[in-house]
């Protein structure tokens, strides 16, 4: 798993598809998630495009595309039940999967140890 400074996690599957979600730290900071709006499958995104809107009892946030690519799947379960984001942010509550253009771009992100240092845990 890789992590961004925006508290997203990325995991490359064997099929070359990258799954994207938010870290447990981010979910904890947000508080109870009450709304998630996901992108449409087939959407072409560029790194740093706003692709997800997430609202909690504390704040509204945007999730940015961590890489260039195409959204190939979204997790409708978290739209129907946003609290899943708090229950399992780094597992079942992933946001979207994307086919990326450049797998080497993942290397610019932090591994778990570097992310833990980044968040001070």
PDB file of N, CA and C in Angstrom:
ATOM      1  N   UNK A   1       0.829  -1.182   0.000  1.00  0.00           N
ATOM      2  CA  UNK A   1       0.000   0.000   0.000  1.00  0.00           C
ATOM      3  C   UNK A   1       0.874   1.247   0.000  1.00  0.00           C
ATOM      4  N   UNK A   2       0.421   2.262  -0.699  1.00  0.00           N
ATOM      5  CA  UNK A   2       1.083   3.562  -0.721  1.00  0.00           C
ATOM      6  C   UNK A   2       0.106   4.595  -0.159  1.00  0.00           C
ATOM      7  N   UNK A   3       0.648   5.699   0.339  1.00  0.00           N
ATOM      8  CA  UNK A   3      -0.175   6.749   0.951  1.00  0.00           C
ATOM      9  C   UNK A   3       0.213   8.108   0.390  1.00  0.00           C
ATOM     10  N   UNK A   4      -0.788   8.988   0.268  1.00  0.00           N
ATOM     11  CA  UNK A   4      -0.545  10.352  -0.190  1.00  0.00           C
ATOM     12  C   UNK A   4      -0.543  11.294   1.010  1.00  0.00           C
ATOM     13  N   UNK A   5      -0.052  12.495   0.814  1.00  0.00           N
ATOM     14  CA  UNK A   5      -0.090  13.505   1.869  1.00  0.00           C
ATOM     15  C   UNK A   5      -1.521  13.967   2.139  1.00  0.00           C
ATOM     16  N   UNK A   6      -2.440  13.640   1.237  1.00  0.00           N
ATOM     17  CA  UNK A   6      -3.854  13.979   1.414  1.00  0.00           C
ATOM     18  C   UNK A   6      -4.594  12.838   2.132  1.00  0.00           C
ATOM     19  N   UNK A   7      -3.843  11.866   2.647  1.00  0.00           N
ATOM     20  CA  UNK A   7      -4.379  10.768   3.456  1.00  0.00           C
ATOM     21  C   UNK A   7      -5.212   9.769   2.664  1.00  0.00           C
ATOM     22  N   UNK A   8      -4.864   9.597   1.401  1.00  0.00           N
ATOM     23  CA  UNK A   8      -5.467   8.543   0.593  1.00  0.00           C
ATOM     24  C   UNK A   8      -4.510   7.362   0.596  1.00  0.00           C
ATOM     25  N   UNK A   9      -5.072   6.167   0.445  1.00  0.00           N
ATOM     26  CA  UNK A   9      -4.226   4.996   0.250  1.00  0.00           C
ATOM     27  C   UNK A   9      -4.466   4.463  -1.154  1.00  0.00           C
ATOM     28  N   UNK A  10      -3.429   3.845  -1.688  1.00  0.00           N
ATOM     29  CA  UNK A  10      -3.484   3.278  -3.030  1.00  0.00           C
ATOM     30  C   UNK A  10      -2.896   1.881  -2.978  1.00  0.00           C
ATOM     31  N   UNK A  11      -3.569   0.962  -3.643  1.00  0.00           N
ATOM     32  CA  UNK A  11      -3.060  -0.397  -3.684  1.00  0.00           C
ATOM     33  C   UNK A  11      -3.188  -0.933  -5.100  1.00  0.00           C
ATOM     34  N   UNK A  12      -2.052  -1.344  -5.651  1.00  0.00           N
ATOM     35  CA  UNK A  12      -2.013  -1.885  -7.011  1.00  0.00           C
ATOM     36  C   UNK A  12      -2.369  -3.367  -6.954  1.00  0.00           C
ATOM     37  N   UNK A  13      -3.360  -3.758  -7.734  1.00  0.00           N
ATOM     38  CA  UNK A  13      -3.733  -5.164  -7.822  1.00  0.00           C
ATOM     39  C   UNK A  13      -2.885  -5.888  -8.848  1.00  0.00           C
ATOM     40  N   UNK A  14      -2.988  -7.194  -8.861  1.00  0.00           N
ATOM     41  CA  UNK A  14      -2.248  -8.005  -9.827  1.00  0.00           C
ATOM     42  C   UNK A  14      -2.653  -7.688 -11.261  1.00  0.00           C
ATOM     43  N   UNK A  15      -3.867  -7.157 -11.424  1.00  0.00           N
ATOM     44  CA  UNK A  15      -4.390  -6.832 -12.752  1.00  0.00           C
ATOM     45  C   UNK A  15      -3.987  -5.439 -13.227  1.00  0.00           C
ATOM     46  N   UNK A  16      -3.173  -4.729 -12.416  1.00  0.00           N
ATOM     47  CA  UNK A  16      -2.738  -3.391 -12.787  1.00  0.00           C
ATOM     48  C   UNK A  16      -3.743  -2.297 -12.436  1.00  0.00           C
ATOM     49  N   UNK A  17      -4.823  -2.679 -11.789  1.00  0.00           N
ATOM     50  CA  UNK A  17      -5.840  -1.716 -11.360  1.00  0.00           C
ATOM     51  C   UNK A  17      -5.471  -1.214  -9.962  1.00  0.00           C
ATOM     52  N   UNK A  18      -5.568   0.096  -9.747  1.00  0.00           N
ATOM     53  CA  UNK A  18      -5.252   0.701  -8.455  1.00  0.00           C
ATOM     54  C   UNK A  18      -6.561   0.990  -7.710  1.00  0.00           C
ATOM     55  N   UNK A  19      -6.637   0.483  -6.484  1.00  0.00           N
ATOM     56  CA  UNK A  19      -7.769   0.761  -5.612  1.00  0.00           C
ATOM     57  C   UNK A  19      -7.398   1.949  -4.735  1.00  0.00           C
ATOM     58  N   UNK A  20      -8.350   2.891  -4.557  1.00  0.00           N
ATOM     59  CA  UNK A  20      -8.095   4.120  -3.810  1.00  0.00           C
ATOM     60  C   UNK A  20      -9.135   4.268  -2.698  1.00  0.00           C
ATOM     61  N   UNK A  21      -8.655   4.651  -1.515  1.00  0.00           N
ATOM     62  CA  UNK A  21      -9.543   4.930  -0.389  1.00  0.00           C
ATOM     63  C   UNK A  21      -8.878   5.961   0.508  1.00  0.00           C
ATOM     64  N   UNK A  22      -9.460   6.187   1.684  1.00  0.00           N
ATOM     65  CA  UNK A  22      -8.830   7.101   2.634  1.00  0.00           C
ATOM     66  C   UNK A  22      -8.280   6.303   3.809  1.00  0.00           C
ATOM     67  N   UNK A  23      -7.254   6.846   4.424  1.00  0.00           N
ATOM     68  CA  UNK A  23      -6.600   6.152   5.534  1.00  0.00           C
ATOM     69  C   UNK A  23      -7.477   6.146   6.781  1.00  0.00           C
ATOM     70  N   UNK A  24      -7.161   5.254   7.691  1.00  0.00           N
ATOM     71  CA  UNK A  24      -7.855   5.205   8.977  1.00  0.00           C
ATOM     72  C   UNK A  24      -7.685   6.537   9.708  1.00  0.00           C
ATOM     73  N   UNK A  25      -6.514   7.136   9.590  1.00  0.00           N
ATOM     74  CA  UNK A  25      -6.258   8.438  10.207  1.00  0.00           C
ATOM     75  C   UNK A  25      -7.230   9.489   9.661  1.00  0.00           C
ATOM     76  N   UNK A  26      -7.413   9.514   8.339  1.00  0.00           N
ATOM     77  CA  UNK A  26      -8.322  10.483   7.723  1.00  0.00           C
ATOM     78  C   UNK A  26      -9.757  10.245   8.174  1.00  0.00           C
ATOM     79  N   UNK A  27     -10.165   8.989   8.223  1.00  0.00           N
ATOM     80  CA  UNK A  27     -11.530   8.670   8.649  1.00  0.00           C
ATOM     81  C   UNK A  27     -11.763   9.119  10.087  1.00  0.00           C
ATOM     82  N   UNK A  28     -10.751   8.923  10.923  1.00  0.00           N
ATOM     83  CA  UNK A  28     -10.850   9.339  12.321  1.00  0.00           C
ATOM     84  C   UNK A  28     -10.962  10.862  12.424  1.00  0.00           C
ATOM     85  N   UNK A  29     -10.169  11.579  11.614  1.00  0.00           N
ATOM     86  CA  UNK A  29     -10.197  13.037  11.633  1.00  0.00           C
ATOM     87  C   UNK A  29     -11.529  13.587  11.132  1.00  0.00           C
ATOM     88  N   UNK A  30     -12.119  12.910  10.151  1.00  0.00           N
ATOM     89  CA  UNK A  30     -13.393  13.363   9.596  1.00  0.00           C
ATOM     90  C   UNK A  30     -14.547  13.206  10.579  1.00  0.00           C
ATOM     91  N   UNK A  31     -14.487  12.168  11.391  1.00  0.00           N
ATOM     92  CA  UNK A  31     -15.632  11.862  12.239  1.00  0.00           C
ATOM     93  C   UNK A  31     -16.635  11.033  11.450  1.00  0.00           C
ATOM     94  N   UNK A  32     -17.870  10.995  11.923  1.00  0.00           N
ATOM     95  CA  UNK A  32     -18.883  10.145  11.305  1.00  0.00           C
ATOM     96  C   UNK A  32     -19.216  10.606   9.886  1.00  0.00           C
ATOM     97  N   UNK A  33     -18.924   9.748   8.909  1.00  0.00           N
ATOM     98  CA  UNK A  33     -19.197  10.054   7.511  1.00  0.00           C
ATOM     99  C   UNK A  33     -20.692   9.848   7.251  1.00  0.00           C
ATOM    100  N   UNK A  34     -21.314  10.866   6.631  1.00  0.00           N
ATOM    101  CA  UNK A  34     -22.763  10.811   6.410  1.00  0.00           C
ATOM    102  C   UNK A  34     -23.143  10.837   4.921  1.00  0.00           C
ATOM    103  N   UNK A  35     -22.184  11.149   4.035  1.00  0.00           N
ATOM    104  CA  UNK A  35     -22.497  11.246   2.613  1.00  0.00           C
ATOM    105  C   UNK A  35     -21.232  11.029   1.797  1.00  0.00           C
ATOM    106  N   UNK A  36     -21.368  10.250   0.720  1.00  0.00           N
ATOM    107  CA  UNK A  36     -20.252  10.048  -0.220  1.00  0.00           C
ATOM    108  C   UNK A  36     -20.808  10.143  -1.639  1.00  0.00           C
ATOM    109  N   UNK A  37     -20.159  10.958  -2.459  1.00  0.00           N
ATOM    110  CA  UNK A  37     -20.507  11.054  -3.881  1.00  0.00           C
ATOM    111  C   UNK A  37     -19.303  10.582  -4.681  1.00  0.00           C
ATOM    112  N   UNK A  38     -19.502   9.551  -5.483  1.00  0.00           N
ATOM    113  CA  UNK A  38     -18.412   8.939  -6.236  1.00  0.00           C
ATOM    114  C   UNK A  38     -18.460   9.361  -7.703  1.00  0.00           C
ATOM    115  N   UNK A  39     -17.326   9.236  -8.400  1.00  0.00           N
ATOM    116  CA  UNK A  39     -17.307   9.561  -9.833  1.00  0.00           C
ATOM    117  C   UNK A  39     -18.025   8.476 -10.635  1.00  0.00           C
ATOM    118  N   UNK A  40     -18.288   8.767 -11.888  1.00  0.00           N
ATOM    119  CA  UNK A  40     -18.903   7.772 -12.765  1.00  0.00           C
ATOM    120  C   UNK A  40     -17.836   6.881 -13.372  1.00  0.00           C
ATOM    121  N   UNK A  41     -18.162   5.607 -13.512  1.00  0.00           N
ATOM    122  CA  UNK A  41     -17.268   4.671 -14.186  1.00  0.00           C
ATOM    123  C   UNK A  41     -17.057   5.174 -15.616  1.00  0.00           C
ATOM    124  N   UNK A  42     -15.817   5.111 -16.066  1.00  0.00           N
ATOM    125  CA  UNK A  42     -15.471   5.578 -17.399  1.00  0.00           C
ATOM    126  C   UNK A  42     -14.913   6.988 -17.421  1.00  0.00           C
ATOM    127  N   UNK A  43     -14.964   7.671 -16.277  1.00  0.00           N
ATOM    128  CA  UNK A  43     -14.440   9.031 -16.195  1.00  0.00           C
ATOM    129  C   UNK A  43     -12.923   9.021 -16.309  1.00  0.00           C
ATOM    130  N   UNK A  44     -12.404   9.832 -17.208  1.00  0.00           N
ATOM    131  CA  UNK A  44     -10.957  10.015 -17.330  1.00  0.00           C
ATOM    132  C   UNK A  44     -10.556  11.105 -16.340  1.00  0.00           C
ATOM    133  N   UNK A  45      -9.547  10.831 -15.520  1.00  0.00           N
ATOM    134  CA  UNK A  45      -9.112  11.804 -14.527  1.00  0.00           C
ATOM    135  C   UNK A  45      -7.632  12.107 -14.675  1.00  0.00           C
ATOM    136  N   UNK A  46      -7.288  13.301 -14.255  1.00  0.00           N
ATOM    137  CA  UNK A  46      -5.901  13.739 -14.212  1.00  0.00           C
ATOM    138  C   UNK A  46      -5.535  13.910 -12.747  1.00  0.00           C
ATOM    139  N   UNK A  47      -4.305  13.598 -12.408  1.00  0.00           N
ATOM    140  CA  UNK A  47      -3.848  13.755 -11.031  1.00  0.00           C
ATOM    141  C   UNK A  47      -4.298  15.101 -10.472  1.00  0.00           C
ATOM    142  N   UNK A  48      -4.820  15.073  -9.253  1.00  0.00           N
ATOM    143  CA  UNK A  48      -5.304  16.237  -8.507  1.00  0.00           C
ATOM    144  C   UNK A  48      -6.686  16.732  -8.929  1.00  0.00           C
ATOM    145  N   UNK A  49      -7.357  16.041  -9.866  1.00  0.00           N
ATOM    146  CA  UNK A  49      -8.763  16.352 -10.137  1.00  0.00           C
ATOM    147  C   UNK A  49      -9.588  15.966  -8.912  1.00  0.00           C
ATOM    148  N   UNK A  50     -10.619  16.748  -8.616  1.00  0.00           N
ATOM    149  CA  UNK A  50     -11.548  16.373  -7.550  1.00  0.00           C
ATOM    150  C   UNK A  50     -12.448  15.271  -8.090  1.00  0.00           C
ATOM    151  N   UNK A  51     -12.455  14.105  -7.417  1.00  0.00           N
ATOM    152  CA  UNK A  51     -13.229  12.984  -7.941  1.00  0.00           C
ATOM    153  C   UNK A  51     -14.283  12.453  -6.974  1.00  0.00           C
ATOM    154  N   UNK A  52     -14.121  12.698  -5.690  1.00  0.00           N
ATOM    155  CA  UNK A  52     -15.072  12.218  -4.694  1.00  0.00           C
ATOM    156  C   UNK A  52     -15.397  13.363  -3.747  1.00  0.00           C
ATOM    157  N   UNK A  53     -16.666  13.462  -3.367  1.00  0.00           N
ATOM    158  CA  UNK A  53     -17.075  14.381  -2.310  1.00  0.00           C
ATOM    159  C   UNK A  53     -17.463  13.519  -1.120  1.00  0.00           C
ATOM    160  N   UNK A  54     -16.922  13.859   0.039  1.00  0.00           N
ATOM    161  CA  UNK A  54     -17.229  13.122   1.260  1.00  0.00           C
ATOM    162  C   UNK A  54     -17.627  14.130   2.324  1.00  0.00           C
ATOM    163  N   UNK A  55     -18.738  13.863   2.991  1.00  0.00           N
ATOM    164  CA  UNK A  55     -19.209  14.762   4.039  1.00  0.00           C
ATOM    165  C   UNK A  55     -19.330  13.983   5.338  1.00  0.00           C
ATOM    166  N   UNK A  56     -18.915  14.653   6.406  1.00  0.00           N
ATOM    167  CA  UNK A  56     -19.042  14.052   7.732  1.00  0.00           C
ATOM    168  C   UNK A  56     -19.761  15.047   8.627  1.00  0.00           C
ATOM    169  N   UNK A  57     -19.974  14.649   9.862  1.00  0.00           N
ATOM    170  CA  UNK A  57     -20.613  15.567  10.800  1.00  0.00           C
ATOM    171  C   UNK A  57     -19.718  16.770  11.073  1.00  0.00           C
ATOM    172  N   UNK A  58     -18.425  16.660  10.814  1.00  0.00           N
ATOM    173  CA  UNK A  58     -17.479  17.749  11.073  1.00  0.00           C
ATOM    174  C   UNK A  58     -17.194  18.619   9.865  1.00  0.00           C
ATOM    175  N   UNK A  59     -17.132  18.019   8.665  1.00  0.00           N
ATOM    176  CA  UNK A  59     -16.641  18.765   7.507  1.00  0.00           C
ATOM    177  C   UNK A  59     -17.017  18.088   6.198  1.00  0.00           C
ATOM    178  N   UNK A  60     -16.852  18.839   5.129  1.00  0.00           N
ATOM    179  CA  UNK A  60     -16.956  18.286   3.780  1.00  0.00           C
ATOM    180  C   UNK A  60     -15.560  18.326   3.174  1.00  0.00           C
ATOM    181  N   UNK A  61     -15.212  17.291   2.453  1.00  0.00           N
ATOM    182  CA  UNK A  61     -13.890  17.203   1.851  1.00  0.00           C
ATOM    183  C   UNK A  61     -14.002  16.662   0.439  1.00  0.00           C
ATOM    184  N   UNK A  62     -12.982  16.932  -0.345  1.00  0.00           N
ATOM    185  CA  UNK A  62     -12.874  16.356  -1.676  1.00  0.00           C
ATOM    186  C   UNK A  62     -11.726  15.363  -1.665  1.00  0.00           C
ATOM    187  N   UNK A  63     -11.926  14.280  -2.357  1.00  0.00           N
ATOM    188  CA  UNK A  63     -10.849  13.317  -2.570  1.00  0.00           C
ATOM    189  C   UNK A  63     -10.329  13.582  -3.981  1.00  0.00           C
ATOM    190  N   UNK A  64      -9.017  13.725  -4.095  1.00  0.00           N
ATOM    191  CA  UNK A  64      -8.391  14.041  -5.373  1.00  0.00           C
ATOM    192  C   UNK A  64      -7.878  12.784  -6.050  1.00  0.00           C
ATOM    193  N   UNK A  65      -7.876  12.806  -7.355  1.00  0.00           N
ATOM    194  CA  UNK A  65      -7.290  11.697  -8.112  1.00  0.00           C
ATOM    195  C   UNK A  65      -5.788  11.677  -7.822  1.00  0.00           C
ATOM    196  N   UNK A  66      -5.277  10.544  -7.343  1.00  0.00           N
ATOM    197  CA  UNK A  66      -3.854  10.480  -7.031  1.00  0.00           C
ATOM    198  C   UNK A  66      -2.960  10.268  -8.255  1.00  0.00           C
ATOM    199  N   UNK A  67      -3.570   9.846  -9.349  1.00  0.00           N
ATOM    200  CA  UNK A  67      -2.824   9.513 -10.561  1.00  0.00           C
ATOM    201  C   UNK A  67      -3.683   9.817 -11.790  1.00  0.00           C
ATOM    202  N   UNK A  68      -3.059   9.857 -12.940  1.00  0.00           N
ATOM    203  CA  UNK A  68      -3.803   9.962 -14.195  1.00  0.00           C
ATOM    204  C   UNK A  68      -4.359   8.591 -14.545  1.00  0.00           C
ATOM    205  N   UNK A  69      -5.581   8.562 -15.066  1.00  0.00           N
ATOM    206  CA  UNK A  69      -6.140   7.292 -15.486  1.00  0.00           C
ATOM    207  C   UNK A  69      -7.636   7.352 -15.695  1.00  0.00           C
ATOM    208  N   UNK A  70      -8.259   6.170 -15.687  1.00  0.00           N
ATOM    209  CA  UNK A  70      -9.695   6.047 -15.910  1.00  0.00           C
ATOM    210  C   UNK A  70     -10.337   5.318 -14.745  1.00  0.00           C
ATOM    211  N   UNK A  71     -11.451   5.849 -14.262  1.00  0.00           N
ATOM    212  CA  UNK A  71     -12.208   5.188 -13.203  1.00  0.00           C
ATOM    213  C   UNK A  71     -12.875   3.962 -13.822  1.00  0.00           C
ATOM    214  N   UNK A  72     -12.586   2.773 -13.278  1.00  0.00           N
ATOM    215  CA  UNK A  72     -13.146   1.548 -13.843  1.00  0.00           C
ATOM    216  C   UNK A  72     -14.165   0.871 -12.920  1.00  0.00           C
ATOM    217  N   UNK A  73     -14.217   1.298 -11.654  1.00  0.00           N
ATOM    218  CA  UNK A  73     -15.186   0.730 -10.724  1.00  0.00           C
ATOM    219  C   UNK A  73     -15.335   1.681  -9.540  1.00  0.00           C
ATOM    220  N   UNK A  74     -16.549   1.752  -8.991  1.00  0.00           N
ATOM    221  CA  UNK A  74     -16.788   2.541  -7.784  1.00  0.00           C
ATOM    222  C   UNK A  74     -17.466   1.644  -6.752  1.00  0.00           C
ATOM    223  N   UNK A  75     -17.321   2.009  -5.495  1.00  0.00           N
ATOM    224  CA  UNK A  75     -17.850   1.206  -4.392  1.00  0.00           C
ATOM    225  C   UNK A  75     -19.218   1.761  -3.973  1.00  0.00           C
ATOM    226  N   UNK A  76     -20.273   1.273  -4.619  1.00  0.00           N
ATOM    227  CA  UNK A  76     -21.630   1.749  -4.332  1.00  0.00           C
ATOM    228  C   UNK A  76     -22.036   1.482  -2.885  1.00  0.00           C
ATOM    229  N   UNK A  77     -21.423   0.489  -2.241  1.00  0.00           N
ATOM    230  CA  UNK A  77     -21.783   0.147  -0.860  1.00  0.00           C
ATOM    231  C   UNK A  77     -21.582   1.321   0.091  1.00  0.00           C
ATOM    232  N   UNK A  78     -20.571   2.165  -0.188  1.00  0.00           N
ATOM    233  CA  UNK A  78     -20.340   3.299   0.718  1.00  0.00           C
ATOM    234  C   UNK A  78     -21.259   4.477   0.409  1.00  0.00           C
ATOM    235  N   UNK A  79     -21.854   4.482  -0.767  1.00  0.00           N
ATOM    236  CA  UNK A  79     -22.868   5.492  -1.076  1.00  0.00           C
ATOM    237  C   UNK A  79     -24.135   5.154  -0.289  1.00  0.00           C
ATOM    238  N   UNK A  80     -24.488   3.864  -0.321  1.00  0.00           N
ATOM    239  CA  UNK A  80     -25.684   3.396   0.386  1.00  0.00           C
ATOM    240  C   UNK A  80     -25.509   3.442   1.896  1.00  0.00           C
ATOM    241  N   UNK A  81     -24.282   3.204   2.353  1.00  0.00           N
ATOM    242  CA  UNK A  81     -24.007   3.159   3.793  1.00  0.00           C
ATOM    243  C   UNK A  81     -22.671   3.859   4.084  1.00  0.00           C
ATOM    244  N   UNK A  82     -22.666   5.209   4.115  1.00  0.00           N
ATOM    245  CA  UNK A  82     -21.423   5.965   4.291  1.00  0.00           C
ATOM    246  C   UNK A  82     -20.658   5.627   5.566  1.00  0.00           C
ATOM    247  N   UNK A  83     -21.326   5.148   6.594  1.00  0.00           N
ATOM    248  CA  UNK A  83     -20.644   4.824   7.853  1.00  0.00           C
ATOM    249  C   UNK A  83     -19.613   3.717   7.679  1.00  0.00           C
ATOM    250  N   UNK A  84     -19.688   2.953   6.592  1.00  0.00           N
ATOM    251  CA  UNK A  84     -18.671   1.920   6.322  1.00  0.00           C
ATOM    252  C   UNK A  84     -17.278   2.538   6.253  1.00  0.00           C
ATOM    253  N   UNK A  85     -17.212   3.815   5.819  1.00  0.00           N
ATOM    254  CA  UNK A  85     -15.918   4.504   5.712  1.00  0.00           C
ATOM    255  C   UNK A  85     -15.261   4.583   7.094  1.00  0.00           C
ATOM    256  N   UNK A  86     -16.056   4.785   8.132  1.00  0.00           N
ATOM    257  CA  UNK A  86     -15.511   4.831   9.485  1.00  0.00           C
ATOM    258  C   UNK A  86     -15.190   3.436  10.005  1.00  0.00           C
ATOM    259  N   UNK A  87     -15.973   2.452   9.592  1.00  0.00           N
ATOM    260  CA  UNK A  87     -15.815   1.092  10.107  1.00  0.00           C
ATOM    261  C   UNK A  87     -14.606   0.365   9.522  1.00  0.00           C
ATOM    262  N   UNK A  88     -14.316   0.570   8.230  1.00  0.00           N
ATOM    263  CA  UNK A  88     -13.242  -0.180   7.577  1.00  0.00           C
ATOM    264  C   UNK A  88     -12.626   0.649   6.444  1.00  0.00           C
ATOM    265  N   UNK A  89     -12.015   1.806   6.785  1.00  0.00           N
ATOM    266  CA  UNK A  89     -11.537   2.709   5.734  1.00  0.00           C
ATOM    267  C   UNK A  89     -10.444   2.132   4.835  1.00  0.00           C
ATOM    268  N   UNK A  90      -9.639   1.229   5.364  1.00  0.00           N
ATOM    269  CA  UNK A  90      -8.539   0.690   4.552  1.00  0.00           C
ATOM    270  C   UNK A  90      -8.838  -0.732   4.072  1.00  0.00           C
ATOM    271  N   UNK A  91     -10.129  -1.059   4.012  1.00  0.00           N
ATOM    272  CA  UNK A  91     -10.528  -2.382   3.546  1.00  0.00           C
ATOM    273  C   UNK A  91     -11.758  -2.301   2.668  1.00  0.00           C
ATOM    274  N   UNK A  92     -12.905  -2.716   3.215  1.00  0.00           N
ATOM    275  CA  UNK A  92     -14.150  -2.782   2.456  1.00  0.00           C
ATOM    276  C   UNK A  92     -14.663  -1.418   1.996  1.00  0.00           C
ATOM    277  N   UNK A  93     -14.211  -0.337   2.601  1.00  0.00           N
ATOM    278  CA  UNK A  93     -14.735   0.997   2.271  1.00  0.00           C
ATOM    279  C   UNK A  93     -13.842   1.755   1.296  1.00  0.00           C
ATOM    280  N   UNK A  94     -13.254   1.048   0.346  1.00  0.00           N
ATOM    281  CA  UNK A  94     -12.506   1.723  -0.713  1.00  0.00           C
ATOM    282  C   UNK A  94     -13.473   2.600  -1.509  1.00  0.00           C
ATOM    283  N   UNK A  95     -12.948   3.606  -2.209  1.00  0.00           N
ATOM    284  CA  UNK A  95     -13.795   4.545  -2.946  1.00  0.00           C
ATOM    285  C   UNK A  95     -13.942   4.182  -4.421  1.00  0.00           C
ATOM    286  N   UNK A  96     -12.801   4.014  -5.098  1.00  0.00           N
ATOM    287  CA  UNK A  96     -12.863   3.707  -6.529  1.00  0.00           C
ATOM    288  C   UNK A  96     -11.626   2.941  -6.949  1.00  0.00           C
ATOM    289  N   UNK A  97     -11.751   2.335  -8.131  1.00  0.00           N
ATOM    290  CA  UNK A  97     -10.616   1.638  -8.742  1.00  0.00           C
ATOM    291  C   UNK A  97     -10.356   2.308 -10.070  1.00  0.00           C
ATOM    292  N   UNK A  98      -9.083   2.399 -10.398  1.00  0.00           N
ATOM    293  CA  UNK A  98      -8.724   3.083 -11.640  1.00  0.00           C
ATOM    294  C   UNK A  98      -7.627   2.345 -12.398  1.00  0.00           C
ATOM    295  N   UNK A  99      -7.738   2.416 -13.719  1.00  0.00           N
ATOM    296  CA  UNK A  99      -6.683   1.936 -14.608  1.00  0.00           C
ATOM    297  C   UNK A  99      -5.760   3.122 -14.794  1.00  0.00           C
ATOM    298  N   UNK A 100      -4.506   2.973 -14.393  1.00  0.00           N
ATOM    299  CA  UNK A 100      -3.590   4.114 -14.466  1.00  0.00           C
ATOM    300  C   UNK A 100      -2.714   4.030 -15.707  1.00  0.00           C
ATOM    301  N   UNK A 101      -2.179   5.182 -16.077  1.00  0.00           N
ATOM    302  CA  UNK A 101      -1.361   5.261 -17.276  1.00  0.00           C
ATOM    303  C   UNK A 101       0.098   4.926 -17.005  1.00  0.00           C
ATOM    304  N   UNK A 102       0.556   5.178 -15.770  1.00  0.00           N
ATOM    305  CA  UNK A 102       1.972   5.018 -15.469  1.00  0.00           C
ATOM    306  C   UNK A 102       2.150   4.400 -14.080  1.00  0.00           C
ATOM    307  N   UNK A 103       2.404   3.104 -14.021  1.00  0.00           N
ATOM    308  CA  UNK A 103       2.550   2.414 -12.735  1.00  0.00           C
ATOM    309  C   UNK A 103       3.721   2.966 -11.920  1.00  0.00           C
ATOM    310  N   UNK A 104       4.731   3.478 -12.585  1.00  0.00           N
ATOM    311  CA  UNK A 104       5.889   4.025 -11.874  1.00  0.00           C
ATOM    312  C   UNK A 104       5.511   5.243 -11.039  1.00  0.00           C
ATOM    313  N   UNK A 105       4.403   5.896 -11.376  1.00  0.00           N
ATOM    314  CA  UNK A 105       3.965   7.077 -10.632  1.00  0.00           C
ATOM    315  C   UNK A 105       3.616   6.732  -9.182  1.00  0.00           C
ATOM    316  N   UNK A 106       3.301   5.486  -8.911  1.00  0.00           N
ATOM    317  CA  UNK A 106       3.008   5.060  -7.531  1.00  0.00           C
ATOM    318  C   UNK A 106       4.216   5.238  -6.623  1.00  0.00           C
ATOM    319  N   UNK A 107       5.396   5.174  -7.189  1.00  0.00           N
ATOM    320  CA  UNK A 107       6.621   5.226  -6.385  1.00  0.00           C
ATOM    321  C   UNK A 107       6.837   6.573  -5.699  1.00  0.00           C
ATOM    322  N   UNK A 108       6.151   7.621  -6.168  1.00  0.00           N
ATOM    323  CA  UNK A 108       6.327   8.929  -5.539  1.00  0.00           C
ATOM    324  C   UNK A 108       5.608   9.017  -4.191  1.00  0.00           C
ATOM    325  N   UNK A 109       4.773   8.046  -3.887  1.00  0.00           N
ATOM    326  CA  UNK A 109       4.011   8.090  -2.641  1.00  0.00           C
ATOM    327  C   UNK A 109       4.691   7.332  -1.516  1.00  0.00           C
ATOM    328  N   UNK A 110       4.241   7.610  -0.288  1.00  0.00           N
ATOM    329  CA  UNK A 110       4.852   7.044   0.915  1.00  0.00           C
ATOM    330  C   UNK A 110       4.434   5.590   1.135  1.00  0.00           C
ATOM    331  N   UNK A 111       5.358   4.797   1.686  1.00  0.00           N
ATOM    332  CA  UNK A 111       4.977   3.476   2.153  1.00  0.00           C
ATOM    333  C   UNK A 111       4.376   3.641   3.554  1.00  0.00           C
ATOM    334  N   UNK A 112       3.933   2.543   4.146  1.00  0.00           N
ATOM    335  CA  UNK A 112       3.246   2.635   5.432  1.00  0.00           C
ATOM    336  C   UNK A 112       4.113   3.250   6.525  1.00  0.00           C
ATOM    337  N   UNK A 113       5.383   2.870   6.589  1.00  0.00           N
ATOM    338  CA  UNK A 113       6.277   3.409   7.616  1.00  0.00           C
ATOM    339  C   UNK A 113       6.448   4.920   7.469  1.00  0.00           C
ATOM    340  N   UNK A 114       6.642   5.380   6.242  1.00  0.00           N
ATOM    341  CA  UNK A 114       6.794   6.823   6.010  1.00  0.00           C
ATOM    342  C   UNK A 114       5.497   7.563   6.328  1.00  0.00           C
ATOM    343  N   UNK A 115       4.350   6.948   6.006  1.00  0.00           N
ATOM    344  CA  UNK A 115       3.069   7.588   6.304  1.00  0.00           C
ATOM    345  C   UNK A 115       2.858   7.710   7.808  1.00  0.00           C
ATOM    346  N   UNK A 116       3.212   6.668   8.543  1.00  0.00           N
ATOM    347  CA  UNK A 116       3.057   6.730  10.015  1.00  0.00           C
ATOM    348  C   UNK A 116       3.926   7.847  10.596  1.00  0.00           C
ATOM    349  N   UNK A 117       5.119   8.023  10.070  1.00  0.00           N
ATOM    350  CA  UNK A 117       5.976   9.125  10.488  1.00  0.00           C
ATOM    351  C   UNK A 117       5.317  10.459  10.126  1.00  0.00           C
ATOM    352  N   UNK A 118       4.762  10.536   8.927  1.00  0.00           N
ATOM    353  CA  UNK A 118       4.106  11.757   8.437  1.00  0.00           C
ATOM    354  C   UNK A 118       2.958  12.193   9.354  1.00  0.00           C
ATOM    355  N   UNK A 119       2.160  11.212   9.829  1.00  0.00           N
ATOM    356  CA  UNK A 119       1.012  11.566  10.688  1.00  0.00           C
ATOM    357  C   UNK A 119       1.385  11.580  12.156  1.00  0.00           C
ATOM    358  N   UNK A 120       2.637  11.227  12.454  1.00  0.00           N
ATOM    359  CA  UNK A 120       3.113  11.291  13.839  1.00  0.00           C
ATOM    360  C   UNK A 120       2.628  10.173  14.729  1.00  0.00           C
ATOM    361  N   UNK A 121       2.459   8.973  14.146  1.00  0.00           N
ATOM    362  CA  UNK A 121       2.034   7.844  14.990  1.00  0.00           C
ATOM    363  C   UNK A 121       3.083   6.760  15.051  1.00  0.00           C
TER     364      UNK A 121
END
